[in-house]
Protein backbone atom coordinates (compact mmCIF):
# COMPACT_ATOMS: atom_id res chain seq x y z
CA MET A 1 28.11 12.94 7.81
CA LEU A 2 28.85 15.75 6.08
CA ILE A 3 27.43 19.09 6.83
CA THR A 4 28.36 22.99 5.50
CA PHE A 5 30.73 25.58 7.67
CA GLY A 6 27.21 27.38 8.04
CA GLU A 7 25.52 24.46 9.59
CA ALA A 8 28.34 23.74 11.68
CA ALA A 9 29.04 26.90 12.72
CA ARG A 10 25.39 27.17 14.18
CA ARG A 11 24.71 24.23 15.43
CA TRP A 12 28.26 25.00 17.61
CA LYS A 13 27.79 28.07 18.08
CA ILE A 14 30.77 29.50 16.51
CA ASP A 15 31.88 31.93 13.86
CA ILE A 16 32.39 30.53 10.34
CA SER A 17 35.94 32.35 10.16
CA THR A 18 37.06 30.18 13.52
CA LEU A 19 36.31 26.89 11.12
CA HIS A 20 38.35 28.02 8.00
CA ARG A 21 41.31 29.29 10.85
CA ALA A 22 40.77 25.57 12.45
CA HIS A 23 41.24 24.57 8.83
CA GLN A 24 43.95 26.63 7.73
CA ARG A 25 45.89 25.51 10.46
CA GLY A 26 45.13 21.63 9.68
CA GLU A 27 43.31 21.20 12.66
CA LEU A 28 39.73 20.38 11.04
CA PRO A 29 39.87 18.58 7.29
CA ALA A 30 37.34 20.37 4.76
CA ARG A 31 36.55 20.39 1.04
CA GLN A 32 35.15 22.86 -1.10
CA SER A 33 31.98 21.80 -3.24
CA ALA A 34 29.96 23.87 -5.29
CA GLY A 35 31.46 27.07 -3.49
CA SER A 36 30.34 25.47 -0.14
CA TRP A 37 32.86 24.35 2.58
CA LEU A 38 31.95 21.39 3.88
CA CYS A 39 33.46 18.84 6.77
CA GLU A 40 32.69 16.26 8.91
CA GLU A 41 30.50 16.44 11.97
CA GLU A 42 32.53 14.08 13.59
CA ASP A 43 35.77 16.34 13.01
CA VAL A 44 33.74 19.02 13.77
CA ARG A 45 33.54 17.47 17.42
CA ALA A 46 37.00 16.36 17.70
CA VAL A 47 38.25 19.63 17.59
CA PHE A 48 35.51 21.81 19.43
CA GLY A 49 34.07 19.70 21.65
CA GLU A 50 30.40 18.94 21.71
CA GLU A 51 27.75 20.82 20.27
CA ASN A 52 26.28 22.07 23.62
CA PRO A 53 27.94 21.71 27.62
CA PRO A 54 25.97 19.56 30.04
CA GLU A 55 23.13 21.05 31.77
CA GLY A 56 24.42 23.23 34.87
CA TRP A 57 27.62 23.74 33.55
CA VAL A 58 29.47 26.90 33.02
CA THR A 59 32.36 28.63 31.30
CA ILE A 60 35.63 29.39 33.53
CA PRO A 61 34.86 32.99 34.18
CA GLU A 62 31.74 32.22 35.19
CA ALA A 63 33.23 29.67 37.63
CA VAL A 64 35.79 31.79 38.44
CA ARG A 65 33.02 34.46 39.42
CA LEU A 66 31.69 31.93 41.41
CA LEU A 67 33.97 30.49 43.18
CA GLY A 68 35.87 33.66 44.01
CA ILE A 69 39.27 32.51 42.80
CA THR A 70 41.67 33.52 40.08
CA LYS A 71 41.38 31.78 36.48
CA ALA A 72 44.48 30.39 36.94
CA ALA A 73 43.22 28.55 40.21
CA VAL A 74 40.45 27.59 38.34
CA TYR A 75 42.62 25.98 35.42
CA SER A 76 44.98 24.36 38.00
CA LYS A 77 42.05 22.45 39.56
CA VAL A 78 40.74 21.43 36.09
CA LYS A 79 44.23 19.90 35.32
CA ARG A 80 44.75 18.11 38.94
CA GLY A 81 41.31 16.66 37.80
CA ILE A 82 39.89 18.00 40.91
CA LEU A 83 37.43 20.15 38.69
CA PRO A 84 35.74 18.01 35.92
CA SER A 85 35.58 19.84 32.45
CA VAL A 86 34.19 19.10 29.15
CA LYS A 87 35.03 20.91 26.17
CA ALA A 88 31.34 22.43 23.93
CA GLN A 89 31.47 25.09 21.82
CA GLY A 90 34.93 25.15 21.75
CA ILE A 91 34.99 26.49 25.36
CA LEU A 92 36.06 24.93 28.23
CA TRP A 93 33.03 24.04 30.91
CA VAL A 94 33.11 23.18 34.26
CA PRO A 95 29.98 22.01 36.37
CA ARG A 96 28.23 24.91 38.35
CA PRO A 97 30.02 24.81 41.76
């Protein structure tokens, strides 16, 4: 389904300029029509992940605070598969410890 950059920004809670940069880098296919930038909802999801994180999941900085470990340690656990993660709103999320 085609959506405007404004709608995508609102739903994914990201800035419109982030969408424009993704398009300029070739990551997000889009076209301009009647002065509005349009893109496929599925393409936005492919670049920025889901619209909302799962219930009870936290951002990496929050996981660092809750676990009492470094950001590098959290990313290491994600990379090794010890800590599951999802991308939503263009941000990596992990389950609340």
